[in-house]
């Protein structure tokens, strides 16, 4: 039996934060402000996923429950719930 991937709002928040830390650590030493990196990354994700600032902030805090914006952000991160037979639900859950 294989483990079922977790595409919950909390896991999405974890992935977004990890990506921001990675982006920050990958930058040259001249840009040491983490908040500037977070702002830049959020803007990029928002544009790529075609989401609002509010939706990005909700995702960052682990509170984005709607399925469509969560799926769009997972896609921007290169992860697709459907590849694992998972359907996201609007209550923040998943089934499949």
PDB file of N, CA and C in Angstrom:
ATOM      1  N   UNK A   1       0.844  -1.180   0.000  1.00  0.00           N
ATOM      2  CA  UNK A   1       0.000   0.000   0.000  1.00  0.00           C
ATOM      3  C   UNK A   1       0.891   1.245   0.000  1.00  0.00           C
ATOM      4  N   UNK A   2       0.606   2.159  -0.894  1.00  0.00           N
ATOM      5  CA  UNK A   2       1.402   3.380  -0.966  1.00  0.00           C
ATOM      6  C   UNK A   2       0.701   4.508  -0.225  1.00  0.00           C
ATOM      7  N   UNK A   3       1.498   5.437   0.231  1.00  0.00           N
ATOM      8  CA  UNK A   3       0.947   6.592   0.943  1.00  0.00           C
ATOM      9  C   UNK A   3       0.204   7.496  -0.038  1.00  0.00           C
ATOM     10  N   UNK A   4      -0.880   8.073   0.422  1.00  0.00           N
ATOM     11  CA  UNK A   4      -1.665   8.994  -0.399  1.00  0.00           C
ATOM     12  C   UNK A   4      -1.141  10.412  -0.181  1.00  0.00           C
ATOM     13  N   UNK A   5      -0.789  11.124  -1.253  1.00  0.00           N
ATOM     14  CA  UNK A   5      -0.280  12.487  -1.100  1.00  0.00           C
ATOM     15  C   UNK A   5      -1.311  13.409  -0.442  1.00  0.00           C
ATOM     16  N   UNK A   6      -0.817  14.375   0.291  1.00  0.00           N
ATOM     17  CA  UNK A   6      -1.661  15.334   1.000  1.00  0.00           C
ATOM     18  C   UNK A   6      -1.658  16.654   0.241  1.00  0.00           C
ATOM     19  N   UNK A   7      -2.808  17.049  -0.271  1.00  0.00           N
ATOM     20  CA  UNK A   7      -2.952  18.317  -0.980  1.00  0.00           C
ATOM     21  C   UNK A   7      -3.838  19.277  -0.187  1.00  0.00           C
ATOM     22  N   UNK A   8      -3.776  19.196   1.127  1.00  0.00           N
ATOM     23  CA  UNK A   8      -4.592  20.031   2.010  1.00  0.00           C
ATOM     24  C   UNK A   8      -4.119  21.485   1.972  1.00  0.00           C
ATOM     25  N   UNK A   9      -4.957  22.413   2.457  1.00  0.00           N
ATOM     26  CA  UNK A   9      -4.525  23.810   2.551  1.00  0.00           C
ATOM     27  C   UNK A   9      -3.266  23.971   3.410  1.00  0.00           C
ATOM     28  N   UNK A  10      -3.145  23.178   4.470  1.00  0.00           N
ATOM     29  CA  UNK A  10      -1.954  23.265   5.327  1.00  0.00           C
ATOM     30  C   UNK A  10      -0.701  22.825   4.572  1.00  0.00           C
ATOM     31  N   UNK A  11      -0.809  21.765   3.786  1.00  0.00           N
ATOM     32  CA  UNK A  11       0.345  21.289   3.018  1.00  0.00           C
ATOM     33  C   UNK A  11       0.703  22.282   1.919  1.00  0.00           C
ATOM     34  N   UNK A  12      -0.297  22.902   1.310  1.00  0.00           N
ATOM     35  CA  UNK A  12      -0.034  23.927   0.302  1.00  0.00           C
ATOM     36  C   UNK A  12       0.737  25.082   0.928  1.00  0.00           C
ATOM     37  N   UNK A  13       0.329  25.502   2.109  1.00  0.00           N
ATOM     38  CA  UNK A  13       1.037  26.562   2.826  1.00  0.00           C
ATOM     39  C   UNK A  13       2.484  26.164   3.084  1.00  0.00           C
ATOM     40  N   UNK A  14       2.687  24.931   3.511  1.00  0.00           N
ATOM     41  CA  UNK A  14       4.039  24.432   3.768  1.00  0.00           C
ATOM     42  C   UNK A  14       4.886  24.485   2.495  1.00  0.00           C
ATOM     43  N   UNK A  15       4.327  24.032   1.371  1.00  0.00           N
ATOM     44  CA  UNK A  15       5.058  24.044   0.110  1.00  0.00           C
ATOM     45  C   UNK A  15       5.391  25.469  -0.327  1.00  0.00           C
ATOM     46  N   UNK A  16       4.431  26.385  -0.201  1.00  0.00           N
ATOM     47  CA  UNK A  16       4.686  27.775  -0.591  1.00  0.00           C
ATOM     48  C   UNK A  16       5.808  28.373   0.245  1.00  0.00           C
ATOM     49  N   UNK A  17       5.770  28.142   1.536  1.00  0.00           N
ATOM     50  CA  UNK A  17       6.809  28.671   2.420  1.00  0.00           C
ATOM     51  C   UNK A  17       8.172  28.050   2.117  1.00  0.00           C
ATOM     52  N   UNK A  18       8.180  26.763   1.840  1.00  0.00           N
ATOM     53  CA  UNK A  18       9.439  26.100   1.494  1.00  0.00           C
ATOM     54  C   UNK A  18      10.007  26.658   0.192  1.00  0.00           C
ATOM     55  N   UNK A  19       9.139  26.896  -0.779  1.00  0.00           N
ATOM     56  CA  UNK A  19       9.597  27.475  -2.045  1.00  0.00           C
ATOM     57  C   UNK A  19      10.158  28.880  -1.838  1.00  0.00           C
ATOM     58  N   UNK A  20       9.530  29.661  -0.960  1.00  0.00           N
ATOM     59  CA  UNK A  20      10.021  31.014  -0.685  1.00  0.00           C
ATOM     60  C   UNK A  20      11.392  30.960  -0.013  1.00  0.00           C
ATOM     61  N   UNK A  21      11.563  30.063   0.937  1.00  0.00           N
ATOM     62  CA  UNK A  21      12.864  29.919   1.609  1.00  0.00           C
ATOM     63  C   UNK A  21      13.919  29.490   0.596  1.00  0.00           C
ATOM     64  N   UNK A  22      13.574  28.548  -0.267  1.00  0.00           N
ATOM     65  CA  UNK A  22      14.520  28.096  -1.290  1.00  0.00           C
ATOM     66  C   UNK A  22      14.906  29.253  -2.220  1.00  0.00           C
ATOM     67  N   UNK A  23      13.922  30.025  -2.645  1.00  0.00           N
ATOM     68  CA  UNK A  23      14.203  31.170  -3.517  1.00  0.00           C
ATOM     69  C   UNK A  23      15.099  32.175  -2.806  1.00  0.00           C
ATOM     70  N   UNK A  24      14.856  32.383  -1.524  1.00  0.00           N
ATOM     71  CA  UNK A  24      15.655  33.337  -0.753  1.00  0.00           C
ATOM     72  C   UNK A  24      17.101  32.855  -0.623  1.00  0.00           C
ATOM     73  N   UNK A  25      17.273  31.586  -0.329  1.00  0.00           N
ATOM     74  CA  UNK A  25      18.623  31.040  -0.140  1.00  0.00           C
ATOM     75  C   UNK A  25      19.386  30.926  -1.453  1.00  0.00           C
ATOM     76  N   UNK A  26      18.675  30.900  -2.565  1.00  0.00           N
ATOM     77  CA  UNK A  26      19.308  30.781  -3.876  1.00  0.00           C
ATOM     78  C   UNK A  26      19.769  32.127  -4.424  1.00  0.00           C
ATOM     79  N   UNK A  27      19.369  33.202  -3.793  1.00  0.00           N
ATOM     80  CA  UNK A  27      19.711  34.544  -4.273  1.00  0.00           C
ATOM     81  C   UNK A  27      21.112  34.923  -3.798  1.00  0.00           C
ATOM     82  N   UNK A  28      21.747  35.819  -4.523  1.00  0.00           N
ATOM     83  CA  UNK A  28      23.054  36.314  -4.080  1.00  0.00           C
ATOM     84  C   UNK A  28      22.944  37.013  -2.719  1.00  0.00           C
ATOM     85  N   UNK A  29      24.044  37.115  -2.010  1.00  0.00           N
ATOM     86  CA  UNK A  29      24.017  37.724  -0.666  1.00  0.00           C
ATOM     87  C   UNK A  29      23.512  39.160  -0.618  1.00  0.00           C
ATOM     88  N   UNK A  30      23.453  39.838  -1.746  1.00  0.00           N
ATOM     89  CA  UNK A  30      23.039  41.242  -1.706  1.00  0.00           C
ATOM     90  C   UNK A  30      21.565  41.414  -1.332  1.00  0.00           C
ATOM     91  N   UNK A  31      20.766  40.374  -1.488  1.00  0.00           N
ATOM     92  CA  UNK A  31      19.352  40.504  -1.123  1.00  0.00           C
ATOM     93  C   UNK A  31      19.083  39.630   0.094  1.00  0.00           C
ATOM     94  N   UNK A  32      19.182  40.198   1.247  1.00  0.00           N
ATOM     95  CA  UNK A  32      19.071  39.440   2.484  1.00  0.00           C
ATOM     96  C   UNK A  32      17.722  39.577   3.176  1.00  0.00           C
ATOM     97  N   UNK A  33      16.808  40.343   2.627  1.00  0.00           N
ATOM     98  CA  UNK A  33      15.522  40.524   3.282  1.00  0.00           C
ATOM     99  C   UNK A  33      14.544  39.442   2.836  1.00  0.00           C
ATOM    100  N   UNK A  34      14.206  38.564   3.754  1.00  0.00           N
ATOM    101  CA  UNK A  34      13.288  37.468   3.445  1.00  0.00           C
ATOM    102  C   UNK A  34      11.925  37.996   3.014  1.00  0.00           C
ATOM    103  N   UNK A  35      11.464  39.071   3.644  1.00  0.00           N
ATOM    104  CA  UNK A  35      10.144  39.603   3.305  1.00  0.00           C
ATOM    105  C   UNK A  35      10.084  40.059   1.850  1.00  0.00           C
ATOM    106  N   UNK A  36      11.173  40.614   1.344  1.00  0.00           N
ATOM    107  CA  UNK A  36      11.207  41.023  -0.063  1.00  0.00           C
ATOM    108  C   UNK A  36      11.091  39.802  -0.976  1.00  0.00           C
ATOM    109  N   UNK A  37      11.740  38.714  -0.600  1.00  0.00           N
ATOM    110  CA  UNK A  37      11.646  37.480  -1.380  1.00  0.00           C
ATOM    111  C   UNK A  37      10.228  36.935  -1.352  1.00  0.00           C
ATOM    112  N   UNK A  38       9.609  36.928  -0.175  1.00  0.00           N
ATOM    113  CA  UNK A  38       8.238  36.429  -0.038  1.00  0.00           C
ATOM    114  C   UNK A  38       7.299  37.248  -0.912  1.00  0.00           C
ATOM    115  N   UNK A  39       7.426  38.559  -0.862  1.00  0.00           N
ATOM    116  CA  UNK A  39       6.577  39.440  -1.665  1.00  0.00           C
ATOM    117  C   UNK A  39       6.755  39.155  -3.153  1.00  0.00           C
ATOM    118  N   UNK A  40       7.995  39.002  -3.576  1.00  0.00           N
ATOM    119  CA  UNK A  40       8.285  38.723  -4.983  1.00  0.00           C
ATOM    120  C   UNK A  40       7.712  37.364  -5.406  1.00  0.00           C
ATOM    121  N   UNK A  41       7.910  36.353  -4.576  1.00  0.00           N
ATOM    122  CA  UNK A  41       7.405  35.014  -4.899  1.00  0.00           C
ATOM    123  C   UNK A  41       5.879  34.995  -4.950  1.00  0.00           C
ATOM    124  N   UNK A  42       5.242  35.635  -3.978  1.00  0.00           N
ATOM    125  CA  UNK A  42       3.774  35.679  -3.966  1.00  0.00           C
ATOM    126  C   UNK A  42       3.240  36.345  -5.228  1.00  0.00           C
ATOM    127  N   UNK A  43       3.887  37.420  -5.653  1.00  0.00           N
ATOM    128  CA  UNK A  43       3.450  38.120  -6.868  1.00  0.00           C
ATOM    129  C   UNK A  43       3.582  37.209  -8.088  1.00  0.00           C
ATOM    130  N   UNK A  44       4.663  36.468  -8.154  1.00  0.00           N
ATOM    131  CA  UNK A  44       4.855  35.539  -9.270  1.00  0.00           C
ATOM    132  C   UNK A  44       3.814  34.435  -9.283  1.00  0.00           C
ATOM    133  N   UNK A  45       3.558  33.841  -8.120  1.00  0.00           N
ATOM    134  CA  UNK A  45       2.541  32.781  -8.030  1.00  0.00           C
ATOM    135  C   UNK A  45       1.166  33.324  -8.390  1.00  0.00           C
ATOM    136  N   UNK A  46       0.861  34.541  -7.899  1.00  0.00           N
ATOM    137  CA  UNK A  46      -0.446  35.144  -8.171  1.00  0.00           C
ATOM    138  C   UNK A  46      -0.656  35.310  -9.669  1.00  0.00           C
ATOM    139  N   UNK A  47       0.354  35.810 -10.361  1.00  0.00           N
ATOM    140  CA  UNK A  47       0.228  36.026 -11.804  1.00  0.00           C
ATOM    141  C   UNK A  47       0.115  34.704 -12.560  1.00  0.00           C
ATOM    142  N   UNK A  48       0.954  33.745 -12.208  1.00  0.00           N
ATOM    143  CA  UNK A  48       0.934  32.460 -12.914  1.00  0.00           C
ATOM    144  C   UNK A  48      -0.371  31.694 -12.693  1.00  0.00           C
ATOM    145  N   UNK A  49      -0.889  31.737 -11.467  1.00  0.00           N
ATOM    146  CA  UNK A  49      -2.113  31.001 -11.140  1.00  0.00           C
ATOM    147  C   UNK A  49      -3.375  31.815 -11.417  1.00  0.00           C
ATOM    148  N   UNK A  50      -3.196  33.096 -11.754  1.00  0.00           N
ATOM    149  CA  UNK A  50      -4.334  34.000 -12.015  1.00  0.00           C
ATOM    150  C   UNK A  50      -5.270  34.078 -10.808  1.00  0.00           C
ATOM    151  N   UNK A  51      -4.669  34.338  -9.641  1.00  0.00           N
ATOM    152  CA  UNK A  51      -5.418  34.450  -8.395  1.00  0.00           C
ATOM    153  C   UNK A  51      -5.367  35.877  -7.878  1.00  0.00           C
ATOM    154  N   UNK A  52      -6.164  36.154  -6.863  1.00  0.00           N
ATOM    155  CA  UNK A  52      -6.164  37.471  -6.229  1.00  0.00           C
ATOM    156  C   UNK A  52      -5.144  37.496  -5.093  1.00  0.00           C
ATOM    157  N   UNK A  53      -4.829  38.698  -4.643  1.00  0.00           N
ATOM    158  CA  UNK A  53      -3.936  38.831  -3.486  1.00  0.00           C
ATOM    159  C   UNK A  53      -4.520  38.136  -2.265  1.00  0.00           C
ATOM    160  N   UNK A  54      -5.825  38.256  -2.081  1.00  0.00           N
ATOM    161  CA  UNK A  54      -6.481  37.621  -0.937  1.00  0.00           C
ATOM    162  C   UNK A  54      -6.326  36.108  -0.996  1.00  0.00           C
ATOM    163  N   UNK A  55      -6.512  35.524  -2.172  1.00  0.00           N
ATOM    164  CA  UNK A  55      -6.366  34.076  -2.306  1.00  0.00           C
ATOM    165  C   UNK A  55      -4.934  33.629  -2.017  1.00  0.00           C
ATOM    166  N   UNK A  56      -3.963  34.396  -2.482  1.00  0.00           N
ATOM    167  CA  UNK A  56      -2.561  34.059  -2.209  1.00  0.00           C
ATOM    168  C   UNK A  56      -2.283  34.160  -0.716  1.00  0.00           C
ATOM    169  N   UNK A  57      -2.781  35.216  -0.073  1.00  0.00           N
ATOM    170  CA  UNK A  57      -2.577  35.363   1.371  1.00  0.00           C
ATOM    171  C   UNK A  57      -3.241  34.232   2.146  1.00  0.00           C
ATOM    172  N   UNK A  58      -4.445  33.832   1.735  1.00  0.00           N
ATOM    173  CA  UNK A  58      -5.115  32.701   2.380  1.00  0.00           C
ATOM    174  C   UNK A  58      -4.300  31.420   2.212  1.00  0.00           C
ATOM    175  N   UNK A  59      -3.782  31.205   1.021  1.00  0.00           N
ATOM    176  CA  UNK A  59      -2.960  30.013   0.778  1.00  0.00           C
ATOM    177  C   UNK A  59      -1.703  30.046   1.638  1.00  0.00           C
ATOM    178  N   UNK A  60      -1.085  31.205   1.750  1.00  0.00           N
ATOM    179  CA  UNK A  60       0.133  31.361   2.553  1.00  0.00           C
ATOM    180  C   UNK A  60      -0.134  31.008   4.019  1.00  0.00           C
ATOM    181  N   UNK A  61      -1.330  31.352   4.499  1.00  0.00           N
ATOM    182  CA  UNK A  61      -1.684  31.100   5.902  1.00  0.00           C
ATOM    183  C   UNK A  61      -2.346  29.735   6.109  1.00  0.00           C
ATOM    184  N   UNK A  62      -2.541  28.973   5.040  1.00  0.00           N
ATOM    185  CA  UNK A  62      -3.151  27.653   5.166  1.00  0.00           C
ATOM    186  C   UNK A  62      -4.658  27.676   5.232  1.00  0.00           C
ATOM    187  N   UNK A  63      -5.272  28.747   4.742  1.00  0.00           N
ATOM    188  CA  UNK A  63      -6.719  28.878   4.832  1.00  0.00           C
ATOM    189  C   UNK A  63      -7.449  28.905   3.501  1.00  0.00           C
ATOM    190  N   UNK A  64      -6.775  28.543   2.415  1.00  0.00           N
ATOM    191  CA  UNK A  64      -7.424  28.550   1.100  1.00  0.00           C
ATOM    192  C   UNK A  64      -8.131  27.213   0.899  1.00  0.00           C
ATOM    193  N   UNK A  65      -9.444  27.205   1.088  1.00  0.00           N
ATOM    194  CA  UNK A  65     -10.212  25.964   1.014  1.00  0.00           C
ATOM    195  C   UNK A  65     -10.781  25.670  -0.366  1.00  0.00           C
ATOM    196  N   UNK A  66     -11.035  26.682  -1.166  1.00  0.00           N
ATOM    197  CA  UNK A  66     -11.655  26.483  -2.486  1.00  0.00           C
ATOM    198  C   UNK A  66     -10.759  25.611  -3.375  1.00  0.00           C
ATOM    199  N   UNK A  67     -11.382  24.673  -4.072  1.00  0.00           N
ATOM    200  CA  UNK A  67     -10.640  23.686  -4.861  1.00  0.00           C
ATOM    201  C   UNK A  67      -9.917  24.295  -6.066  1.00  0.00           C
ATOM    202  N   UNK A  68     -10.590  25.141  -6.833  1.00  0.00           N
ATOM    203  CA  UNK A  68     -10.001  25.659  -8.075  1.00  0.00           C
ATOM    204  C   UNK A  68      -8.729  26.474  -7.832  1.00  0.00           C
ATOM    205  N   UNK A  69      -8.735  27.437  -6.891  1.00  0.00           N
ATOM    206  CA  UNK A  69      -7.494  28.172  -6.664  1.00  0.00           C
ATOM    207  C   UNK A  69      -6.381  27.299  -6.081  1.00  0.00           C
ATOM    208  N   UNK A  70      -6.758  26.333  -5.239  1.00  0.00           N
ATOM    209  CA  UNK A  70      -5.740  25.417  -4.700  1.00  0.00           C
ATOM    210  C   UNK A  70      -5.112  24.598  -5.821  1.00  0.00           C
ATOM    211  N   UNK A  71      -5.938  24.094  -6.731  1.00  0.00           N
ATOM    212  CA  UNK A  71      -5.418  23.312  -7.855  1.00  0.00           C
ATOM    213  C   UNK A  71      -4.506  24.163  -8.734  1.00  0.00           C
ATOM    214  N   UNK A  72      -4.884  25.426  -8.939  1.00  0.00           N
ATOM    215  CA  UNK A  72      -4.059  26.324  -9.751  1.00  0.00           C
ATOM    216  C   UNK A  72      -2.698  26.552  -9.104  1.00  0.00           C
ATOM    217  N   UNK A  73      -2.678  26.739  -7.793  1.00  0.00           N
ATOM    218  CA  UNK A  73      -1.402  26.941  -7.105  1.00  0.00           C
ATOM    219  C   UNK A  73      -0.556  25.673  -7.100  1.00  0.00           C
ATOM    220  N   UNK A  74      -1.182  24.531  -6.872  1.00  0.00           N
ATOM    221  CA  UNK A  74      -0.428  23.275  -6.936  1.00  0.00           C
ATOM    222  C   UNK A  74       0.191  23.115  -8.324  1.00  0.00           C
ATOM    223  N   UNK A  75      -0.547  23.495  -9.367  1.00  0.00           N
ATOM    224  CA  UNK A  75      -0.024  23.393 -10.730  1.00  0.00           C
ATOM    225  C   UNK A  75       1.185  24.304 -10.919  1.00  0.00           C
ATOM    226  N   UNK A  76       1.120  25.511 -10.373  1.00  0.00           N
ATOM    227  CA  UNK A  76       2.250  26.434 -10.452  1.00  0.00           C
ATOM    228  C   UNK A  76       3.475  25.833  -9.760  1.00  0.00           C
ATOM    229  N   UNK A  77       3.240  25.072  -8.706  1.00  0.00           N
ATOM    230  CA  UNK A  77       4.335  24.423  -7.983  1.00  0.00           C
ATOM    231  C   UNK A  77       4.790  23.125  -8.659  1.00  0.00           C
ATOM    232  N   UNK A  78       4.118  22.760  -9.749  1.00  0.00           N
ATOM    233  CA  UNK A  78       4.504  21.563 -10.482  1.00  0.00           C
ATOM    234  C   UNK A  78       3.932  20.273  -9.924  1.00  0.00           C
ATOM    235  N   UNK A  79       2.904  20.382  -9.109  1.00  0.00           N
ATOM    236  CA  UNK A  79       2.253  19.215  -8.510  1.00  0.00           C
ATOM    237  C   UNK A  79       0.793  19.202  -8.951  1.00  0.00           C
ATOM    238  N   UNK A  80       0.327  18.067  -9.402  1.00  0.00           N
ATOM    239  CA  UNK A  80      -1.028  17.955  -9.929  1.00  0.00           C
ATOM    240  C   UNK A  80      -1.773  16.858  -9.184  1.00  0.00           C
ATOM    241  N   UNK A  81      -2.753  17.225  -8.356  1.00  0.00           N
ATOM    242  CA  UNK A  81      -3.507  16.209  -7.614  1.00  0.00           C
ATOM    243  C   UNK A  81      -4.107  15.135  -8.517  1.00  0.00           C
ATOM    244  N   UNK A  82      -4.532  15.520  -9.707  1.00  0.00           N
ATOM    245  CA  UNK A  82      -5.160  14.554 -10.618  1.00  0.00           C
ATOM    246  C   UNK A  82      -4.186  13.463 -11.061  1.00  0.00           C
ATOM    247  N   UNK A  83      -2.891  13.743 -11.053  1.00  0.00           N
ATOM    248  CA  UNK A  83      -1.898  12.720 -11.392  1.00  0.00           C
ATOM    249  C   UNK A  83      -1.928  11.561 -10.407  1.00  0.00           C
ATOM    250  N   UNK A  84      -2.440  11.821  -9.217  1.00  0.00           N
ATOM    251  CA  UNK A  84      -2.517  10.802  -8.169  1.00  0.00           C
ATOM    252  C   UNK A  84      -3.948  10.309  -7.970  1.00  0.00           C
ATOM    253  N   UNK A  85      -4.846  10.697  -8.883  1.00  0.00           N
ATOM    254  CA  UNK A  85      -6.243  10.288  -8.777  1.00  0.00           C
ATOM    255  C   UNK A  85      -6.995  10.999  -7.670  1.00  0.00           C
ATOM    256  N   UNK A  86      -6.531  12.197  -7.305  1.00  0.00           N
ATOM    257  CA  UNK A  86      -7.135  12.950  -6.206  1.00  0.00           C
ATOM    258  C   UNK A  86      -7.928  14.123  -6.761  1.00  0.00           C
ATOM    259  N   UNK A  87      -9.113  14.308  -6.215  1.00  0.00           N
ATOM    260  CA  UNK A  87      -9.967  15.443  -6.559  1.00  0.00           C
ATOM    261  C   UNK A  87     -10.053  16.339  -5.327  1.00  0.00           C
ATOM    262  N   UNK A  88      -9.725  17.621  -5.495  1.00  0.00           N
ATOM    263  CA  UNK A  88      -9.818  18.574  -4.388  1.00  0.00           C
ATOM    264  C   UNK A  88     -11.269  18.986  -4.205  1.00  0.00           C
ATOM    265  N   UNK A  89     -11.661  19.215  -2.963  1.00  0.00           N
ATOM    266  CA  UNK A  89     -13.028  19.641  -2.661  1.00  0.00           C
ATOM    267  C   UNK A  89     -13.013  21.055  -2.095  1.00  0.00           C
ATOM    268  N   UNK A  90     -14.157  21.736  -2.198  1.00  0.00           N
ATOM    269  CA  UNK A  90     -14.246  23.133  -1.766  1.00  0.00           C
ATOM    270  C   UNK A  90     -14.247  23.317  -0.255  1.00  0.00           C
ATOM    271  N   UNK A  91     -14.242  22.239   0.496  1.00  0.00           N
ATOM    272  CA  UNK A  91     -14.179  22.369   1.953  1.00  0.00           C
ATOM    273  C   UNK A  91     -12.746  22.233   2.464  1.00  0.00           C
ATOM    274  N   UNK A  92     -11.775  22.253   1.548  1.00  0.00           N
ATOM    275  CA  UNK A  92     -10.376  22.126   1.930  1.00  0.00           C
ATOM    276  C   UNK A  92      -9.895  20.689   1.951  1.00  0.00           C
ATOM    277  N   UNK A  93     -10.773  19.783   1.595  1.00  0.00           N
ATOM    278  CA  UNK A  93     -10.414  18.369   1.626  1.00  0.00           C
ATOM    279  C   UNK A  93     -10.059  17.824   0.252  1.00  0.00           C
ATOM    280  N   UNK A  94      -9.988  16.516   0.209  1.00  0.00           N
ATOM    281  CA  UNK A  94      -9.680  15.819  -1.031  1.00  0.00           C
ATOM    282  C   UNK A  94     -10.262  14.418  -0.956  1.00  0.00           C
ATOM    283  N   UNK A  95     -10.515  13.835  -2.094  1.00  0.00           N
ATOM    284  CA  UNK A  95     -10.922  12.432  -2.107  1.00  0.00           C
ATOM    285  C   UNK A  95     -10.399  11.781  -3.374  1.00  0.00           C
ATOM    286  N   UNK A  96     -10.297  10.479  -3.323  1.00  0.00           N
ATOM    287  CA  UNK A  96      -9.822   9.754  -4.493  1.00  0.00           C
ATOM    288  C   UNK A  96      -8.874   8.657  -4.154  1.00  0.00           C
TER     289      UNK A  96
END
